[in-house]
Protein backbone atom coordinates (compact mmCIF):
# COMPACT_ATOMS: atom_id res chain seq x y z
CA MET A 1 0.01 0.01 -0.21
CA SER A 2 1.03 3.45 -0.83
CA LEU A 3 0.16 6.66 0.88
CA ARG A 4 -1.05 7.81 -2.44
CA HIS A 5 -3.28 5.07 -2.50
CA ALA A 6 -4.64 5.90 0.92
CA VAL A 7 -5.04 9.36 0.00
CA LEU A 8 -7.28 8.39 -3.16
CA GLY A 9 -9.19 6.11 -0.79
CA LEU A 10 -10.15 9.06 1.34
CA LEU A 11 -10.87 11.39 -1.28
CA SER A 12 -13.33 8.97 -2.94
CA ALA A 13 -15.51 9.76 -0.08
CA GLY A 14 -15.62 13.55 -1.01
CA PRO A 15 -13.28 16.40 -0.96
CA ALA A 16 -10.84 17.35 1.65
CA SER A 17 -8.11 19.66 2.80
CA GLY A 18 -4.59 18.41 3.69
CA TYR A 19 -5.57 19.16 7.31
CA ASP A 20 -8.77 17.18 7.31
CA LEU A 21 -6.91 14.23 5.69
CA LEU A 22 -4.23 14.09 8.41
CA LYS A 23 -6.72 14.12 10.95
CA THR A 24 -8.66 11.46 9.24
CA PHE A 25 -5.29 9.36 9.05
CA GLU A 26 -4.45 10.05 12.74
CA ILE A 27 -7.88 8.52 13.75
CA SER A 28 -7.97 5.70 11.45
CA LEU A 29 -5.40 4.79 9.04
CA ALA A 30 -2.56 5.71 11.25
CA ASN A 31 -2.94 2.03 12.56
CA VAL A 32 -2.50 0.40 9.19
CA TRP A 33 -0.51 3.25 7.30
CA PRO A 34 0.92 6.07 9.12
CA ALA A 35 1.76 9.63 7.48
CA THR A 36 3.43 12.60 8.62
CA GLN A 37 2.17 16.35 7.59
CA SER A 38 4.70 16.81 5.35
CA GLN A 39 4.56 13.44 3.62
CA LEU A 40 0.82 14.22 3.05
CA TYR A 41 1.35 17.56 1.73
CA SER A 42 4.06 16.46 -0.54
CA GLU A 43 1.83 13.49 -1.81
CA LEU A 44 -1.02 15.81 -2.33
CA ASN A 45 1.38 18.09 -4.67
CA ARG A 46 2.67 15.09 -6.77
CA MET A 47 -0.82 13.90 -7.28
CA ALA A 48 -2.21 17.27 -8.25
CA GLU A 49 0.81 17.25 -10.77
CA ALA A 50 -0.08 13.81 -12.08
CA GLY A 51 -3.80 14.46 -12.58
CA LEU A 52 -4.92 12.27 -9.70
CA VAL A 53 -6.48 15.05 -7.38
CA GLN A 54 -7.45 18.49 -8.13
CA ALA A 55 -8.02 21.49 -6.07
CA ALA A 56 -12.05 21.82 -5.60
CA ALA A 57 -11.96 24.64 -3.46
CA GLU A 58 -9.55 27.39 -1.84
CA GLY A 59 -9.95 28.90 1.36
CA PRO A 60 -8.26 31.64 3.32
CA ARG A 61 -4.34 31.46 3.90
CA GLY A 62 -4.24 29.35 1.03
CA ARG A 63 -6.16 26.28 2.17
CA LYS A 64 -7.02 24.07 -0.64
CA GLU A 65 -9.73 21.37 -0.79
CA TYR A 66 -8.75 18.63 -2.71
CA ALA A 67 -11.24 16.08 -4.89
CA ILE A 68 -10.14 12.97 -6.49
CA THR A 69 -10.47 13.33 -10.50
CA ASP A 70 -11.72 10.56 -12.81
CA ALA A 71 -7.97 9.55 -13.22
CA GLY A 72 -7.27 9.15 -9.54
CA LEU A 73 -10.51 6.84 -9.06
CA ASP A 74 -9.20 4.68 -11.97
CA GLU A 75 -5.99 4.55 -10.25
CA LEU A 76 -7.31 3.34 -6.89
CA ARG A 77 -9.62 0.91 -8.62
CA HIS A 78 -6.55 -0.47 -10.60
CA TRP A 79 -4.55 -0.53 -7.40
CA MET A 80 -7.69 -2.49 -5.47
CA THR A 81 -8.27 -5.10 -8.20
CA GLU A 82 -4.91 -5.70 -10.10
CA VAL A 83 -1.92 -5.14 -7.73
CA GLU A 84 -1.50 -7.74 -5.35
CA PRO A 85 -1.15 -6.68 -1.49
CA ASP A 86 2.32 -6.57 -0.07
CA ARG A 87 2.22 -9.08 2.66
CA VAL A 88 4.96 -8.22 4.91
CA ARG A 89 6.85 -11.29 6.34
CA ARG A 90 9.51 -9.45 8.30
CA SER A 91 9.04 -8.94 12.21
CA ASP A 92 11.71 -7.43 14.13
CA MET A 93 9.89 -8.24 17.06
CA LEU A 94 10.04 -11.94 16.10
CA LEU A 95 13.54 -11.99 14.87
CA ARG A 96 14.61 -10.85 18.37
CA VAL A 97 12.23 -13.80 19.86
CA PHE A 98 14.28 -16.16 17.95
CA PHE A 99 17.49 -15.11 19.41
CA LEU A 100 16.21 -14.48 23.00
CA ASN A 101 18.46 -17.40 24.33
CA VAL A 102 21.22 -14.65 23.99
CA ILE A 103 20.16 -13.03 26.91
CA PRO A 104 19.34 -14.19 30.58
CA PRO A 105 16.01 -15.73 30.98
CA HIS A 106 14.79 -13.15 33.03
CA GLN A 107 15.55 -10.40 30.42
CA ALA A 108 13.89 -12.91 27.83
CA VAL A 109 10.56 -13.18 29.86
CA GLU A 110 10.76 -9.33 30.27
CA TYR A 111 10.83 -8.72 26.69
CA LEU A 112 7.71 -10.76 26.20
CA HIS A 113 5.97 -9.25 28.95
CA LYS A 114 6.67 -5.88 26.97
CA GLN A 115 5.02 -7.28 23.83
CA VAL A 116 2.08 -8.28 26.17
CA ASP A 117 1.90 -4.81 27.65
CA HIS A 118 1.97 -3.32 23.82
CA ALA A 119 -0.54 -5.33 22.60
CA GLU A 120 -2.97 -4.37 25.79
CA GLU A 121 -2.11 -0.63 25.20
CA THR A 122 -2.94 -1.08 21.26
CA LEU A 123 -6.14 -2.75 22.34
CA ALA A 124 -7.32 -0.03 24.61
CA ALA A 125 -6.61 2.56 21.82
CA TYR A 126 -8.51 0.58 19.34
CA GLU A 127 -11.54 0.24 21.78
CA GLU A 128 -11.44 4.15 22.22
CA ILE A 129 -11.52 4.27 17.98
CA LYS A 130 -14.48 1.73 18.51
CA GLN A 131 -15.98 3.87 20.77
CA SER A 132 -15.77 7.14 18.57
CA ILE A 133 -17.33 5.46 15.62
CA ALA A 134 -19.73 3.32 16.90
CA GLY A 135 -22.95 5.30 15.60
CA GLU A 136 -21.60 6.36 12.43
CA ASP A 137 -22.76 4.21 9.30
CA ASP A 138 -20.87 6.10 6.13
CA ARG A 139 -18.96 3.60 4.28
CA LEU A 140 -15.78 4.86 5.49
CA ALA A 141 -16.57 4.05 9.14
CA VAL A 142 -18.32 0.79 8.15
CA TYR A 143 -15.11 -0.47 6.08
CA GLY A 144 -12.87 1.25 9.13
CA ARG A 145 -14.76 -0.92 11.73
CA ILE A 146 -13.70 -4.09 9.72
CA ALA A 147 -10.18 -2.90 9.18
CA LEU A 148 -10.04 -2.46 13.04
CA GLU A 149 -11.74 -5.66 14.08
CA TRP A 150 -8.62 -7.08 12.11
CA GLY A 151 -6.21 -5.16 14.62
CA VAL A 152 -8.26 -6.08 17.63
CA ARG A 153 -7.98 -9.84 16.62
CA TYR A 154 -4.34 -9.48 15.83
CA MET A 155 -3.38 -7.54 19.01
CA GLU A 156 -5.69 -10.03 20.96
CA MET A 157 -3.54 -12.72 19.17
CA VAL A 158 -0.28 -11.26 20.26
CA ARG A 159 -1.23 -10.76 23.80
CA THR A 160 -2.32 -14.25 24.25
CA TRP A 161 0.95 -15.68 22.25
CA GLY A 162 3.19 -13.45 24.62
CA GLN A 163 1.59 -14.84 27.83
CA TRP A 164 1.83 -18.32 26.38
CA ALA A 165 5.50 -17.31 25.46
CA GLN A 166 6.25 -16.18 28.87
CA GLN A 167 5.13 -19.45 30.47
CA GLU A 168 6.89 -21.39 28.08
CA LEU A 169 10.18 -19.74 28.95
CA GLN A 170 9.91 -19.88 32.75
CA ALA A 171 9.01 -23.45 32.40
CA ALA A 172 12.23 -24.05 30.10
CA ALA A 173 14.22 -21.99 33.02
CA ALA A 174 12.80 -23.96 35.59
CA THR A 175 13.87 -27.13 33.89
CA HIS A 176 17.50 -26.34 33.39
CA GLN A 177 18.18 -24.94 36.73
């Protein structure tokens, strides 16, 4: 996925300013595809040059509201239906787990405990997002809830796995004493 396609997807719901897009990223897409203000505005400029978006309205202080063009919608649809998603297989966290044997067992357990804590913090943040969109029924909220549910289930799995892995390490350490 690219920032370009995320922006096109958001604009497919209707025109928005760069500021509006950034706020939408912060409450929704940041969990799957984060973007900084400078990245977003730079991408909007590139997309405008490529004819994928256009300024639909201009306001005070140079505020522009962007709208997706037909070419932008075609690009989004092409990406959605004809470009295979990148299924990332790298995990810095799991690579470290593979080598936990190089640190003392109590540090290895602590590392896993931090993963559980992170999962629980993320689950709490996801719950806040769930509550904030609970009554919304526009298509962005509907599909956003579906994506959010994936995140919830993934973090629940990480939490459960981390708890299990801690027990495994503790049992192994007790056996080797």
